[in-house]
Amino acid sequence: MKRTGFLLTVLVVSAVLAACGGDDETVEPAASTVVPPASTEVPPATTEAVPTTAANGLSPACAKETLAVKTAGKLTAATSDPSFPPYVMDNDPTTGQGFESAVAYAMAEQFGFTKDEVVWEKVAFEESYAPGPKKFDFDINQVSITEDRKQAVAFSDPYYTTSQAILVMAESTFAGAASLAELKDAKLGSQIGTSSLEAAKDVIAPSQEVQVYNDTSTATAALRNGQIDGIVVDLPTALFINAVELEFAGKVVGQFSAPGGDDWGLLSEKDSALTSCLNEALAALKASGKLEALTTEWMSTSAEAPVLQ
């Protein structure tokens, strides 16, 4: 009896041990009974590129990071040397003083560039629109948009349309005229075949016949010699004549709008991918009123060329 009890005990213990361990074989539970544990694994960070966004509401294609510029992280503008007021003051475009210098920095800000990220190149006027590669992103230098020039370079939409102006000698009795009506009795001159001549006849409509000259140099000589009271030319020409040819002995009485003014555009390489973004930035500056404010500040107030009605 003792031996039998002992054997029975051994058999029971062995069975228990076999159930707890025995060999390494694992018996899989039925699939329908498997409940997966809650995952604690942290998903890897995505490597997909996040689209960049442009500054001040421009399209993503015009974001600073992807803008088609000559040097990454820089915006390269160009003007001539020398450059003159009221477009650039003291022949230094880096100051932001002067109409075109100020517009260039406003464009840069629209794209998200800081002032320190704007680089200037000096390029001769005729060289700017010559065919071939350019060392600048855009040139801003009173370059009129023409079909001939479009064959060699790209232009943005206009950032300025020239007004007409009346230039007299500083001691003239018409120097203080504050309206077009006050110029009715002036003896005026203008260059043949120009929109300025048509503006003098149709907009000012003086009581005396407008004198016609072959070129502005001849008209300027007639003004200096007292043969006429004033000449009608576009505003940029009037400012240039007064500064360079008359050495500020004259006075721009004022400016006025008339059909046929030249459109100035930002100039880039032919087929430049930057042109569409320049147009976006210009449109934003126009919509915000910033471009108009700069035009008034530099092309009217600073240039001492009030708008005449």
Protein backbone atom coordinates (compact mmCIF):
# COMPACT_ATOMS: atom_id res chain seq x y z
CA MET A 1 0.00 0.00 0.00
CA LYS A 2 2.76 2.43 0.78
CA ARG A 3 4.56 1.66 -2.51
CA THR A 4 1.35 2.12 -4.50
CA GLY A 5 0.65 5.43 -2.82
CA PHE A 6 4.17 6.56 -3.48
CA LEU A 7 3.92 5.69 -7.19
CA LEU A 8 0.62 7.48 -7.45
CA THR A 9 2.13 10.57 -5.89
CA VAL A 10 5.08 10.52 -8.33
CA LEU A 11 2.75 10.20 -11.27
CA VAL A 12 0.67 13.17 -10.15
CA VAL A 13 3.76 15.39 -9.59
CA SER A 14 5.20 14.42 -12.98
CA ALA A 15 1.98 15.29 -14.70
CA VAL A 16 1.95 18.71 -13.05
CA LEU A 17 5.59 19.40 -14.04
CA ALA A 18 4.93 18.31 -17.60
CA ALA A 19 2.01 20.69 -17.83
CA CYS A 20 4.12 23.60 -16.50
CA GLY A 21 7.25 23.10 -18.62
CA GLY A 22 8.47 19.94 -20.19
CA ASP A 23 9.70 20.58 -23.76
CA ASP A 24 9.88 24.04 -25.60
CA GLU A 25 7.04 23.41 -28.00
CA THR A 26 4.33 26.14 -27.82
CA VAL A 27 0.73 25.38 -28.48
CA GLU A 28 -0.92 28.27 -30.39
CA PRO A 29 -4.37 29.28 -29.24
CA ALA A 30 -7.16 29.34 -31.79
CA ALA A 31 -7.04 32.38 -34.03
CA SER A 32 -10.50 33.45 -33.02
CA THR A 33 -9.42 33.84 -29.44
CA VAL A 34 -6.31 36.07 -30.06
CA VAL A 35 -6.68 39.64 -28.71
CA PRO A 36 -3.71 41.85 -29.82
CA PRO A 37 -2.19 44.00 -27.10
CA ALA A 38 -2.53 47.79 -27.32
CA SER A 39 0.42 49.21 -29.29
CA THR A 40 2.82 51.44 -27.41
CA GLU A 41 5.11 52.06 -30.42
CA VAL A 42 5.54 55.74 -31.40
CA PRO A 43 5.06 56.21 -35.17
CA PRO A 44 8.14 57.55 -36.96
CA ALA A 45 8.17 61.25 -37.91
CA THR A 46 7.01 61.87 -41.46
CA THR A 47 9.69 62.67 -44.02
CA GLU A 48 7.28 64.17 -46.54
CA ALA A 49 8.28 67.74 -47.52
CA VAL A 50 6.01 70.43 -46.14
CA PRO A 51 5.11 73.01 -48.82
CA THR A 52 6.62 76.43 -48.20
CA THR A 53 4.37 79.45 -48.08
CA ALA A 54 5.24 82.86 -49.43
CA ALA A 55 5.25 86.05 -47.40
CA ASN A 56 2.32 88.44 -47.32
CA GLY A 57 -0.19 86.27 -49.11
CA LEU A 58 1.80 85.42 -52.26
CA SER A 59 1.42 81.97 -53.81
CA PRO A 60 3.62 79.07 -52.57
CA ALA A 61 5.52 79.21 -55.88
CA CYS A 62 6.74 82.66 -54.82
CA ALA A 63 7.99 81.62 -51.38
CA LYS A 64 11.39 83.00 -50.48
CA GLU A 65 12.82 79.47 -50.10
CA THR A 66 11.89 78.45 -53.65
CA LEU A 67 12.10 81.78 -55.48
CA ALA A 68 14.06 81.65 -58.76
CA VAL A 69 16.87 84.01 -57.67
CA LYS A 70 20.51 84.12 -58.71
CA THR A 71 21.80 83.52 -55.18
CA ALA A 72 19.86 81.50 -52.61
CA GLY A 73 18.70 83.65 -49.72
CA LYS A 74 19.53 86.90 -51.55
CA LEU A 75 17.61 89.21 -53.89
CA THR A 76 19.87 90.95 -56.41
CA ALA A 77 18.62 94.27 -57.81
CA ALA A 78 20.36 96.48 -60.36
CA THR A 79 20.51 100.15 -61.27
CA SER A 80 22.92 102.36 -63.19
CA ASP A 81 26.01 104.22 -62.06
CA PRO A 82 25.57 107.08 -61.59
CA SER A 83 21.92 106.97 -60.59
CA PHE A 84 20.02 110.17 -60.04
CA PRO A 85 17.35 111.66 -57.76
CA PRO A 86 14.47 111.21 -57.29
CA TYR A 87 15.04 107.55 -58.22
CA VAL A 88 18.16 107.01 -56.07
CA MET A 89 19.47 109.57 -53.61
CA ASP A 90 23.20 110.36 -53.40
CA ASN A 91 23.93 107.62 -55.97
CA ASP A 92 23.52 105.00 -53.23
CA PRO A 93 20.64 102.53 -53.77
CA THR A 94 21.41 100.64 -50.54
CA THR A 95 19.85 103.39 -48.40
CA GLY A 96 16.29 102.80 -49.59
CA GLN A 97 16.07 106.54 -50.29
CA GLY A 98 14.65 107.46 -53.68
CA PHE A 99 11.68 106.11 -55.63
CA GLU A 100 13.27 103.09 -57.30
CA SER A 101 15.45 102.19 -54.33
CA ALA A 102 12.37 102.28 -52.09
CA VAL A 103 10.32 100.18 -54.53
CA ALA A 104 13.09 97.57 -54.71
CA TYR A 105 13.14 97.19 -50.92
CA ALA A 106 9.35 97.07 -50.80
CA MET A 107 9.45 94.21 -53.31
CA ALA A 108 12.08 92.43 -51.22
CA GLU A 109 9.95 92.78 -48.09
CA GLN A 110 6.94 91.42 -49.96
CA PHE A 111 8.93 88.26 -50.71
CA GLY A 112 10.21 88.00 -47.13
CA PHE A 113 13.77 89.26 -47.63
CA THR A 114 15.32 91.57 -45.06
CA LYS A 115 17.16 94.71 -46.11
CA ASP A 116 20.49 92.98 -45.42
CA GLU A 117 19.52 90.25 -47.88
CA VAL A 118 19.22 92.68 -50.81
CA VAL A 119 22.31 92.93 -53.03
CA TRP A 120 22.83 95.70 -55.61
CA GLU A 121 24.62 95.54 -58.96
CA LYS A 122 25.52 98.56 -61.10
CA VAL A 123 24.59 98.03 -64.76
CA ALA A 124 24.68 100.55 -67.60
CA PHE A 125 21.24 101.51 -68.92
CA GLU A 126 21.75 100.09 -72.43
CA GLU A 127 23.41 96.96 -71.05
CA SER A 128 20.39 96.13 -68.90
CA TYR A 129 18.12 95.28 -71.84
CA ALA A 130 20.79 93.83 -74.13
CA PRO A 131 20.36 90.12 -75.01
CA GLY A 132 22.09 87.51 -72.86
CA PRO A 133 22.41 86.30 -69.25
CA LYS A 134 22.08 88.80 -66.42
CA LYS A 135 23.90 89.07 -63.11
CA PHE A 136 20.81 90.45 -61.38
CA ASP A 137 17.35 89.16 -60.50
CA PHE A 138 15.73 92.38 -61.68
CA ASP A 139 16.84 95.79 -62.90
CA ILE A 140 14.90 98.88 -61.80
CA ASN A 141 16.14 101.88 -63.74
CA GLN A 142 13.38 103.76 -65.60
CA VAL A 143 13.39 101.22 -68.41
CA SER A 144 10.32 101.67 -70.62
CA ILE A 145 8.49 98.54 -71.70
CA THR A 146 8.67 98.24 -75.50
CA GLU A 147 7.99 95.45 -77.95
CA ASP A 148 11.56 95.61 -79.27
CA ARG A 149 13.05 95.20 -75.80
CA LYS A 150 10.68 92.31 -75.05
CA GLN A 151 12.51 90.32 -77.73
CA ALA A 152 15.64 90.26 -75.55
CA VAL A 153 14.45 90.52 -71.92
CA ALA A 154 11.42 89.93 -69.70
CA PHE A 155 9.40 92.74 -68.11
CA SER A 156 7.09 92.77 -65.13
CA ASP A 157 3.84 94.66 -65.14
CA PRO A 158 4.42 98.43 -64.89
CA TYR A 159 5.49 99.85 -61.55
CA TYR A 160 5.22 103.42 -62.88
CA THR A 161 3.59 105.24 -65.80
CA THR A 162 5.16 108.56 -66.67
CA SER A 163 3.20 111.79 -66.28
CA GLN A 164 3.70 114.91 -68.36
CA ALA A 165 5.33 117.96 -66.78
CA ILE A 166 5.90 121.67 -67.39
CA LEU A 167 9.43 123.02 -66.93
CA VAL A 168 10.06 126.77 -66.70
CA MET A 169 12.97 128.92 -65.61
CA ALA A 170 13.04 129.58 -61.88
CA GLU A 171 12.47 133.35 -62.29
CA SER A 172 9.53 132.88 -64.68
CA THR A 173 6.20 134.54 -63.92
CA PHE A 174 4.68 131.06 -64.37
CA ALA A 175 6.92 129.43 -61.77
CA GLY A 176 4.22 129.75 -59.14
CA ALA A 177 1.38 128.30 -61.22
CA ALA A 178 -0.77 125.97 -59.11
CA SER A 179 -3.14 124.72 -61.82
CA LEU A 180 -3.23 124.05 -65.54
CA ALA A 181 -5.55 127.01 -65.97
CA GLU A 182 -2.78 129.32 -64.74
CA LEU A 183 -0.63 128.19 -67.67
CA LYS A 184 -3.15 129.14 -70.35
CA ASP A 185 -1.27 132.29 -71.33
CA ALA A 186 2.19 130.69 -71.29
CA LYS A 187 4.12 130.26 -74.51
CA LEU A 188 5.01 126.58 -74.45
CA GLY A 189 7.22 124.35 -76.56
CA SER A 190 7.58 120.60 -77.06
CA GLN A 191 9.29 118.01 -79.26
CA ILE A 192 7.66 116.99 -82.52
CA GLY A 193 5.97 113.59 -82.71
CA THR A 194 5.72 113.07 -78.95
CA SER A 195 2.86 112.42 -76.56
CA SER A 196 4.11 115.51 -74.71
CA LEU A 197 3.27 117.71 -77.70
CA GLU A 198 -0.23 116.25 -77.88
CA ALA A 199 -0.66 116.75 -74.13
CA ALA A 200 0.40 120.40 -74.39
CA LYS A 201 -2.14 121.05 -77.13
CA ASP A 202 -5.04 118.98 -75.82
CA VAL A 203 -4.76 119.04 -72.02
CA ILE A 204 -3.21 122.45 -71.28
CA ALA A 205 -4.64 124.00 -74.48
CA PRO A 206 -2.77 127.33 -74.13
CA SER A 207 -4.03 130.48 -75.81
CA GLN A 208 -0.81 130.72 -77.85
CA GLU A 209 0.27 128.11 -80.37
CA VAL A 210 2.60 125.49 -78.97
CA GLN A 211 6.08 125.79 -80.48
CA VAL A 212 7.42 122.58 -82.04
CA TYR A 213 11.10 121.51 -81.89
CA ASN A 214 13.04 118.65 -83.44
CA ASP A 215 14.40 117.51 -80.07
CA THR A 216 14.33 118.38 -76.38
CA SER A 217 17.81 119.93 -76.49
CA THR A 218 16.62 122.58 -78.95
CA ALA A 219 13.50 123.18 -76.86
CA THR A 220 15.64 123.55 -73.73
CA ALA A 221 17.88 126.09 -75.47
CA ALA A 222 14.80 128.10 -76.46
CA LEU A 223 13.64 128.02 -72.83
CA ARG A 224 17.03 129.15 -71.54
CA ASN A 225 17.14 131.98 -74.08
CA GLY A 226 13.68 133.25 -73.16
CA GLN A 227 12.08 132.40 -76.50
CA ILE A 228 9.40 130.35 -74.74
CA ASP A 229 8.02 130.34 -71.21
CA GLY A 230 8.16 126.61 -70.65
CA ILE A 231 8.58 123.20 -72.22
CA VAL A 232 6.28 120.21 -71.90
CA VAL A 233 8.05 116.86 -71.52
CA ASP A 234 7.48 113.75 -69.48
CA LEU A 235 8.28 114.16 -65.79
CA PRO A 236 11.50 112.09 -65.76
CA THR A 237 12.86 114.16 -68.68
CA ALA A 238 11.89 117.41 -66.96
CA LEU A 239 13.72 116.37 -63.80
CA PHE A 240 16.79 115.35 -65.80
CA ILE A 241 16.89 118.56 -67.85
CA ASN A 242 16.59 120.72 -64.76
CA ALA A 243 19.31 118.83 -62.88
CA VAL A 244 21.81 118.25 -65.69
CA GLU A 245 21.26 120.76 -68.48
CA LEU A 246 19.93 123.73 -66.51
CA GLU A 247 21.85 122.90 -63.32
CA PHE A 248 18.70 123.56 -61.28
CA ALA A 249 18.18 127.02 -62.78
CA GLY A 250 14.75 125.85 -63.83
CA LYS A 251 11.68 124.69 -61.96
CA VAL A 252 9.25 121.87 -62.58
CA VAL A 253 5.96 123.70 -62.08
CA GLY A 254 4.05 120.44 -61.83
CA GLN A 255 2.92 117.26 -63.49
CA PHE A 256 -0.34 116.08 -65.01
CA SER A 257 -1.80 112.90 -66.44
CA ALA A 258 -2.21 112.47 -70.18
CA PRO A 259 -2.54 109.56 -72.60
CA GLY A 260 0.60 107.99 -74.00
CA GLY A 261 2.83 107.91 -70.92
CA ASP A 262 5.63 105.36 -70.91
CA ASP A 263 5.29 102.29 -68.69
CA TRP A 264 8.36 101.27 -66.68
CA GLY A 265 8.85 97.62 -65.76
CA LEU A 266 11.18 95.52 -63.64
CA LEU A 267 13.56 93.93 -66.13
CA SER A 268 14.80 90.34 -65.91
CA GLU A 269 16.45 87.75 -68.11
CA LYS A 270 14.47 86.57 -71.12
CA ASP A 271 11.93 83.88 -70.09
CA SER A 272 12.81 84.39 -66.42
CA ALA A 273 10.84 82.20 -64.01
CA LEU A 274 10.90 85.15 -61.60
CA THR A 275 8.65 87.40 -63.70
CA SER A 276 5.33 85.93 -62.56
CA CYS A 277 6.36 86.36 -58.92
CA LEU A 278 7.46 89.95 -59.56
CA ASN A 279 3.95 90.56 -60.90
CA GLU A 280 2.40 88.98 -57.81
CA ALA A 281 4.47 91.15 -55.49
CA LEU A 282 3.70 94.30 -57.49
CA ALA A 283 -0.02 93.48 -57.42
CA ALA A 284 0.17 93.12 -53.64
CA LEU A 285 1.98 96.46 -53.29
CA LYS A 286 -0.66 98.13 -55.44
CA ALA A 287 -3.53 96.54 -53.53
CA SER A 288 -2.12 97.63 -50.17
CA GLY A 289 -1.56 101.21 -51.35
CA LYS A 290 2.17 100.95 -50.65
CA LEU A 291 3.24 101.55 -54.26
CA GLU A 292 1.01 104.62 -54.59
CA ALA A 293 2.38 105.99 -51.33
CA LEU A 294 5.98 105.58 -52.53
CA THR A 295 5.12 107.17 -55.88
CA THR A 296 3.59 110.19 -54.17
CA GLU A 297 6.46 110.50 -51.69
CA TRP A 298 9.28 110.38 -54.21
CA MET A 299 7.83 111.35 -57.60
CA SER A 300 5.71 114.26 -56.36
CA THR A 301 6.54 115.52 -52.87
CA SER A 302 10.30 114.91 -52.84
CA ALA A 303 10.67 115.81 -56.53
CA GLU A 304 8.76 119.06 -55.88
CA ALA A 305 6.44 118.28 -58.79
CA PRO A 306 2.88 118.65 -57.54
CA VAL A 307 0.01 117.19 -59.52
CA LEU A 308 -1.79 119.94 -61.42
CA GLN A 309 -5.49 119.80 -62.25
